[in-house]
Amino acid sequence: MSSADRAFKGGATRRLLFVAPALACLAFGLVLCGQGAWIHVKAAAAQVMLDSAFGRSMREGRPVKPWSWLDTWPVARISLPRLGRDVVVLAGDSGQALAFGPGHVPGTPQAGDEGTAVYAAHRDTHFDFLGQVRTGDAIDVLRADGRRVRFIVDGAYVARWDASGIDAMAPGRHLVLATCWPLDARTEGPLRYIVSAHALDD
């Protein structure tokens, strides 16, 4: 092999050693971006199917699952007119439920009944708007039984998940929307961002 050939091969090897890690980093970054985008695509697509199942639940007067293997079903639709946002709420707060929509926390009443109804969701999908909610905003709830209730936001605060001060049996008719805090974090922690509201005619 001539010296020119050896020099060419040596240069190609050095270029490969530089390019290969760069390509690996690029591929890894694309995978991470794809996973992040998939979460949002899945959340949006699920809400379309949940909306259809919620409509059927109201018409048929019984819980309707959006797909057979889901361990939950739609129980309400919440709307925030000022923000132009609405989402379908699911029964329970299991990991599977929260993957597809806000969950109605067990042990709390239905929205509009006496006490405090609590809906929880992920901060980066279904409750990604929660930081934009302001005191005085309206939150409209349409339940699967056809009952409509308007709530007015009266405040927001941050608390540990095990020291939230939420009383499911509080007098009056209240609603809480809760998600993880900080709102822009990517890791789980013990803090929750809590938006509280009361029924308009309370």
C-alpha atoms as a PDB file:
ATOM      1  CA  MET A   1       0.000   0.000   0.000  1.00  0.00           C
ATOM      2  CA  SER A   2       1.404   3.360  -0.956  1.00  0.00           C
ATOM      3  CA  SER A   3       1.947   6.161   1.515  1.00  0.00           C
ATOM      4  CA  ALA A   4      -0.841   8.107  -0.190  1.00  0.00           C
ATOM      5  CA  ASP A   5      -3.260   5.218   0.335  1.00  0.00           C
ATOM      6  CA  ARG A   6      -2.233   4.907   3.981  1.00  0.00           C
ATOM      7  CA  ALA A   7      -2.731   8.639   4.500  1.00  0.00           C
ATOM      8  CA  PHE A   8      -6.148   8.482   2.864  1.00  0.00           C
ATOM      9  CA  LYS A   9      -7.223   5.544   5.059  1.00  0.00           C
ATOM     10  CA  GLY A  10      -5.891   7.252   8.171  1.00  0.00           C
ATOM     11  CA  GLY A  11      -7.811  10.426   7.361  1.00  0.00           C
ATOM     12  CA  ALA A  12     -10.999   8.458   6.706  1.00  0.00           C
ATOM     13  CA  THR A  13     -10.627   6.666  10.033  1.00  0.00           C
ATOM     14  CA  ARG A  14     -10.179   9.953  11.916  1.00  0.00           C
ATOM     15  CA  ARG A  15     -13.234  11.423  10.185  1.00  0.00           C
ATOM     16  CA  LEU A  16     -15.269   8.332  11.096  1.00  0.00           C
ATOM     17  CA  LEU A  17     -14.187   8.595  14.726  1.00  0.00           C
ATOM     18  CA  PHE A  18     -15.434  12.204  14.751  1.00  0.00           C
ATOM     19  CA  VAL A  19     -18.616  11.682  12.737  1.00  0.00           C
ATOM     20  CA  ALA A  20     -19.851   8.463  14.400  1.00  0.00           C
ATOM     21  CA  PRO A  21     -20.355   9.979  17.903  1.00  0.00           C
ATOM     22  CA  ALA A  22     -21.986  13.048  16.345  1.00  0.00           C
ATOM     23  CA  LEU A  23     -24.417  10.842  14.417  1.00  0.00           C
ATOM     24  CA  ALA A  24     -25.130   8.794  17.536  1.00  0.00           C
ATOM     25  CA  CYS A  25     -25.926  11.973  19.500  1.00  0.00           C
ATOM     26  CA  LEU A  26     -28.151  13.197  16.688  1.00  0.00           C
ATOM     27  CA  ALA A  27     -30.037   9.892  16.571  1.00  0.00           C
ATOM     28  CA  PHE A  28     -30.476   9.907  20.358  1.00  0.00           C
ATOM     29  CA  GLY A  29     -31.781  13.483  20.244  1.00  0.00           C
ATOM     30  CA  LEU A  30     -34.270  12.616  17.515  1.00  0.00           C
ATOM     31  CA  VAL A  31     -35.536   9.666  19.573  1.00  0.00           C
ATOM     32  CA  LEU A  32     -36.051  11.910  22.614  1.00  0.00           C
ATOM     33  CA  CYS A  33     -37.834  14.551  20.516  1.00  0.00           C
ATOM     34  CA  GLY A  34     -40.007  11.842  18.985  1.00  0.00           C
ATOM     35  CA  GLN A  35     -40.967  10.530  22.405  1.00  0.00           C
ATOM     36  CA  GLY A  36     -41.858  14.022  23.602  1.00  0.00           C
ATOM     37  CA  ALA A  37     -43.962  14.683  20.513  1.00  0.00           C
ATOM     38  CA  TRP A  38     -45.646  11.267  20.816  1.00  0.00           C
ATOM     39  CA  ILE A  39     -46.901  12.111  24.321  1.00  0.00           C
ATOM     40  CA  HIS A  40     -48.668  15.217  22.993  1.00  0.00           C
ATOM     41  CA  VAL A  41     -50.025  13.446  19.902  1.00  0.00           C
ATOM     42  CA  LYS A  42     -51.373  10.623  22.060  1.00  0.00           C
ATOM     43  CA  ALA A  43     -52.975  13.092  24.484  1.00  0.00           C
ATOM     44  CA  ALA A  44     -54.693  15.017  21.664  1.00  0.00           C
ATOM     45  CA  ALA A  45     -55.898  11.890  19.856  1.00  0.00           C
ATOM     46  CA  ALA A  46     -57.208  10.385  23.086  1.00  0.00           C
ATOM     47  CA  GLN A  47     -59.276  13.502  23.811  1.00  0.00           C
ATOM     48  CA  VAL A  48     -61.082  13.118  20.456  1.00  0.00           C
ATOM     49  CA  MET A  49     -62.048   9.541  21.321  1.00  0.00           C
ATOM     50  CA  LEU A  50     -62.927  10.499  24.895  1.00  0.00           C
ATOM     51  CA  ASP A  51     -65.160  13.292  23.616  1.00  0.00           C
ATOM     52  CA  SER A  52     -67.059  10.794  21.470  1.00  0.00           C
ATOM     53  CA  ALA A  53     -67.434   8.369  24.390  1.00  0.00           C
ATOM     54  CA  PHE A  54     -68.575  11.221  26.654  1.00  0.00           C
ATOM     55  CA  GLY A  55     -71.298  12.141  24.152  1.00  0.00           C
ATOM     56  CA  ARG A  56     -72.479   8.523  24.046  1.00  0.00           C
ATOM     57  CA  SER A  57     -72.439   8.346  27.861  1.00  0.00           C
ATOM     58  CA  MET A  58     -74.769  11.359  28.012  1.00  0.00           C
ATOM     59  CA  ARG A  59     -77.122   9.994  25.328  1.00  0.00           C
ATOM     60  CA  GLU A  60     -77.257   6.451  26.679  1.00  0.00           C
ATOM     61  CA  GLY A  61     -77.244   7.309  30.390  1.00  0.00           C
ATOM     62  CA  ARG A  62     -74.459   4.854  31.206  1.00  0.00           C
ATOM     63  CA  PRO A  63     -70.644   4.919  31.322  1.00  0.00           C
ATOM     64  CA  VAL A  64     -69.114   4.298  27.876  1.00  0.00           C
ATOM     65  CA  LYS A  65     -65.427   3.436  27.531  1.00  0.00           C
ATOM     66  CA  PRO A  66     -63.661   5.023  24.554  1.00  0.00           C
ATOM     67  CA  TRP A  67     -61.871   1.718  23.908  1.00  0.00           C
ATOM     68  CA  SER A  68     -62.397  -1.688  25.487  1.00  0.00           C
ATOM     69  CA  TRP A  69     -59.168  -2.154  27.450  1.00  0.00           C
ATOM     70  CA  LEU A  70     -59.227   1.232  29.216  1.00  0.00           C
ATOM     71  CA  ASP A  71     -59.840   0.905  32.964  1.00  0.00           C
ATOM     72  CA  THR A  72     -61.821   4.169  33.142  1.00  0.00           C
ATOM     73  CA  TRP A  73     -64.500   6.192  31.332  1.00  0.00           C
ATOM     74  CA  PRO A  74     -65.480   9.853  30.816  1.00  0.00           C
ATOM     75  CA  VAL A  75     -67.374  11.506  33.669  1.00  0.00           C
ATOM     76  CA  ALA A  76     -67.318  15.209  32.765  1.00  0.00           C
ATOM     77  CA  ARG A  77     -66.107  17.876  30.376  1.00  0.00           C
ATOM     78  CA  ILE A  78     -64.491  21.028  31.769  1.00  0.00           C
ATOM     79  CA  SER A  79     -64.234  24.233  29.761  1.00  0.00           C
ATOM     80  CA  LEU A  80     -62.375  27.463  30.417  1.00  0.00           C
ATOM     81  CA  PRO A  81     -64.030  30.061  28.158  1.00  0.00           C
ATOM     82  CA  ARG A  82     -61.374  32.778  28.556  1.00  0.00           C
ATOM     83  CA  LEU A  83     -58.618  30.390  27.456  1.00  0.00           C
ATOM     84  CA  GLY A  84     -60.699  28.569  24.853  1.00  0.00           C
ATOM     85  CA  ARG A  85     -59.752  25.217  26.393  1.00  0.00           C
ATOM     86  CA  ASP A  86     -61.825  22.168  27.205  1.00  0.00           C
ATOM     87  CA  VAL A  87     -60.925  18.626  28.222  1.00  0.00           C
ATOM     88  CA  VAL A  88     -62.794  15.448  29.047  1.00  0.00           C
ATOM     89  CA  VAL A  89     -62.318  14.181  32.606  1.00  0.00           C
ATOM     90  CA  LEU A  90     -62.001  10.461  33.393  1.00  0.00           C
ATOM     91  CA  ALA A  91     -63.088   8.472  36.434  1.00  0.00           C
ATOM     92  CA  GLY A  92     -60.205   7.880  38.848  1.00  0.00           C
ATOM     93  CA  ASP A  93     -56.605   9.025  38.972  1.00  0.00           C
ATOM     94  CA  SER A  94     -54.734   5.864  37.997  1.00  0.00           C
ATOM     95  CA  GLY A  95     -51.659   6.156  35.823  1.00  0.00           C
ATOM     96  CA  GLN A  96     -53.637   4.816  32.869  1.00  0.00           C
ATOM     97  CA  ALA A  97     -56.398   7.396  33.334  1.00  0.00           C
ATOM     98  CA  LEU A  98     -53.959  10.306  33.629  1.00  0.00           C
ATOM     99  CA  ALA A  99     -52.172   9.205  30.466  1.00  0.00           C
ATOM    100  CA  PHE A 100     -55.284  10.094  28.480  1.00  0.00           C
ATOM    101  CA  GLY A 101     -56.950  12.932  30.370  1.00  0.00           C
ATOM    102  CA  PRO A 102     -57.569  14.605  33.713  1.00  0.00           C
ATOM    103  CA  GLY A 103     -58.809  12.236  36.400  1.00  0.00           C
ATOM    104  CA  HIS A 104     -61.570  12.733  38.951  1.00  0.00           C
ATOM    105  CA  VAL A 105     -59.849  11.904  42.252  1.00  0.00           C
ATOM    106  CA  PRO A 106     -61.662   9.085  44.107  1.00  0.00           C
ATOM    107  CA  GLY A 107     -63.218  10.034  47.436  1.00  0.00           C
ATOM    108  CA  THR A 108     -64.211  13.486  46.216  1.00  0.00           C
ATOM    109  CA  PRO A 109     -67.771  14.356  45.141  1.00  0.00           C
ATOM    110  CA  GLN A 110     -68.905  14.984  41.599  1.00  0.00           C
ATOM    111  CA  ALA A 111     -68.458  18.590  40.525  1.00  0.00           C
ATOM    112  CA  GLY A 112     -71.477  20.558  41.668  1.00  0.00           C
ATOM    113  CA  ASP A 113     -72.339  18.275  44.591  1.00  0.00           C
ATOM    114  CA  GLU A 114     -71.700  19.352  48.179  1.00  0.00           C
ATOM    115  CA  GLY A 115     -67.996  19.323  48.998  1.00  0.00           C
ATOM    116  CA  THR A 116     -64.834  19.671  46.900  1.00  0.00           C
ATOM    117  CA  ALA A 117     -64.479  17.828  43.605  1.00  0.00           C
ATOM    118  CA  VAL A 118     -60.834  17.339  42.632  1.00  0.00           C
ATOM    119  CA  TYR A 119     -59.555  16.870  39.085  1.00  0.00           C
ATOM    120  CA  ALA A 120     -55.854  16.097  38.553  1.00  0.00           C
ATOM    121  CA  ALA A 121     -53.817  15.948  35.335  1.00  0.00           C
ATOM    122  CA  HIS A 122     -50.284  16.152  33.993  1.00  0.00           C
ATOM    123  CA  ARG A 123     -48.769  19.648  33.739  1.00  0.00           C
ATOM    124  CA  ASP A 124     -47.311  19.067  30.259  1.00  0.00           C
ATOM    125  CA  THR A 125     -50.423  17.696  28.512  1.00  0.00           C
ATOM    126  CA  HIS A 126     -54.026  18.091  29.674  1.00  0.00           C
ATOM    127  CA  PHE A 127     -53.369  20.759  32.333  1.00  0.00           C
ATOM    128  CA  ASP A 128     -50.620  22.574  30.448  1.00  0.00           C
ATOM    129  CA  PHE A 129     -52.817  25.696  30.614  1.00  0.00           C
ATOM    130  CA  LEU A 130     -53.240  25.726  34.394  1.00  0.00           C
ATOM    131  CA  GLY A 131     -50.609  28.405  34.962  1.00  0.00           C
ATOM    132  CA  GLN A 132     -52.642  30.775  32.755  1.00  0.00           C
ATOM    133  CA  VAL A 133     -55.809  30.465  34.862  1.00  0.00           C
ATOM    134  CA  ARG A 134     -56.577  33.651  36.815  1.00  0.00           C
ATOM    135  CA  THR A 135     -58.765  34.569  39.782  1.00  0.00           C
ATOM    136  CA  GLY A 136     -62.245  35.363  38.476  1.00  0.00           C
ATOM    137  CA  ASP A 137     -62.010  32.984  35.499  1.00  0.00           C
ATOM    138  CA  ALA A 138     -65.026  30.779  34.820  1.00  0.00           C
ATOM    139  CA  ILE A 139     -64.714  27.001  34.710  1.00  0.00           C
ATOM    140  CA  ASP A 140     -67.746  25.262  33.215  1.00  0.00           C
ATOM    141  CA  VAL A 141     -68.376  21.621  34.053  1.00  0.00           C
ATOM    142  CA  LEU A 142     -70.755  19.416  32.094  1.00  0.00           C
ATOM    143  CA  ARG A 143     -71.274  16.108  33.859  1.00  0.00           C
ATOM    144  CA  ALA A 144     -72.089  12.822  32.146  1.00  0.00           C
ATOM    145  CA  ASP A 145     -75.558  12.940  33.766  1.00  0.00           C
ATOM    146  CA  GLY A 146     -76.238  16.196  31.892  1.00  0.00           C
ATOM    147  CA  ARG A 147     -75.884  18.552  34.848  1.00  0.00           C
ATOM    148  CA  ARG A 148     -74.051  21.836  34.141  1.00  0.00           C
ATOM    149  CA  VAL A 149     -72.244  23.833  36.820  1.00  0.00           C
ATOM    150  CA  ARG A 150     -70.245  27.045  36.523  1.00  0.00           C
ATOM    151  CA  PHE A 151     -67.385  27.621  38.942  1.00  0.00           C
ATOM    152  CA  ILE A 152     -65.443  30.842  39.528  1.00  0.00           C
ATOM    153  CA  VAL A 153     -61.721  30.640  40.291  1.00  0.00           C
ATOM    154  CA  ASP A 154     -60.953  32.148  43.700  1.00  0.00           C
ATOM    155  CA  GLY A 155     -57.221  31.480  43.931  1.00  0.00           C
ATOM    156  CA  ALA A 156     -54.204  29.269  43.339  1.00  0.00           C
ATOM    157  CA  TYR A 157     -51.387  28.044  45.557  1.00  0.00           C
ATOM    158  CA  VAL A 158     -48.540  25.535  45.816  1.00  0.00           C
ATOM    159  CA  ALA A 159     -48.508  22.809  48.468  1.00  0.00           C
ATOM    160  CA  ARG A 160     -47.046  19.385  49.145  1.00  0.00           C
ATOM    161  CA  TRP A 161     -49.200  16.563  47.808  1.00  0.00           C
ATOM    162  CA  ASP A 162     -49.765  15.308  51.374  1.00  0.00           C
ATOM    163  CA  ALA A 163     -50.468  18.753  52.872  1.00  0.00           C
ATOM    164  CA  SER A 164     -52.742  20.384  50.299  1.00  0.00           C
ATOM    165  CA  GLY A 165     -55.441  21.474  52.742  1.00  0.00           C
ATOM    166  CA  ILE A 166     -58.128  20.212  50.350  1.00  0.00           C
ATOM    167  CA  ASP A 167     -61.244  19.112  52.234  1.00  0.00           C
ATOM    168  CA  ALA A 168     -63.498  16.887  50.150  1.00  0.00           C
ATOM    169  CA  MET A 169     -66.278  17.400  52.706  1.00  0.00           C
ATOM    170  CA  ALA A 170     -66.017  21.197  52.968  1.00  0.00           C
ATOM    171  CA  PRO A 171     -69.343  23.046  53.138  1.00  0.00           C
ATOM    172  CA  GLY A 172     -70.452  24.526  49.836  1.00  0.00           C
ATOM    173  CA  ARG A 173     -69.681  23.356  46.308  1.00  0.00           C
ATOM    174  CA  HIS A 174     -66.057  23.635  45.283  1.00  0.00           C
ATOM    175  CA  LEU A 175     -63.749  22.507  42.498  1.00  0.00           C
ATOM    176  CA  VAL A 176     -59.990  21.974  42.545  1.00  0.00           C
ATOM    177  CA  LEU A 177     -57.743  21.503  39.513  1.00  0.00           C
ATOM    178  CA  ALA A 178     -54.335  20.123  40.505  1.00  0.00           C
ATOM    179  CA  THR A 179     -51.078  19.351  38.728  1.00  0.00           C
ATOM    180  CA  CYS A 180     -47.376  18.971  39.533  1.00  0.00           C
ATOM    181  CA  TRP A 181     -45.176  21.940  40.452  1.00  0.00           C
ATOM    182  CA  PRO A 182     -43.008  23.550  39.119  1.00  0.00           C
ATOM    183  CA  LEU A 183     -45.062  23.805  35.942  1.00  0.00           C
ATOM    184  CA  ASP A 184     -42.006  23.754  33.671  1.00  0.00           C
ATOM    185  CA  ALA A 185     -40.139  20.925  35.428  1.00  0.00           C
ATOM    186  CA  ARG A 186     -39.481  17.567  33.771  1.00  0.00           C
ATOM    187  CA  THR A 187     -39.093  15.461  36.902  1.00  0.00           C
ATOM    188  CA  GLU A 188     -41.621  14.480  39.548  1.00  0.00           C
ATOM    189  CA  GLY A 189     -41.599  16.069  42.969  1.00  0.00           C
ATOM    190  CA  PRO A 190     -43.759  16.407  46.078  1.00  0.00           C
ATOM    191  CA  LEU A 191     -45.266  19.808  45.223  1.00  0.00           C
ATOM    192  CA  ARG A 192     -48.603  20.444  43.554  1.00  0.00           C
ATOM    193  CA  TYR A 193     -50.086  23.539  41.901  1.00  0.00           C
ATOM    194  CA  ILE A 194     -53.691  23.881  43.014  1.00  0.00           C
ATOM    195  CA  VAL A 195     -56.369  26.071  41.445  1.00  0.00           C
ATOM    196  CA  SER A 196     -59.472  26.432  43.610  1.00  0.00           C
ATOM    197  CA  ALA A 197     -62.941  27.551  42.553  1.00  0.00           C
ATOM    198  CA  HIS A 198     -66.456  27.789  43.969  1.00  0.00           C
ATOM    199  CA  ALA A 199     -69.833  27.227  42.338  1.00  0.00           C
ATOM    200  CA  LEU A 200     -71.259  30.464  40.942  1.00  0.00           C
ATOM    201  CA  ASP A 201     -74.445  30.386  43.017  1.00  0.00           C
ATOM    202  CA  ASP A 202     -72.742  29.512  46.334  1.00  0.00           C
END
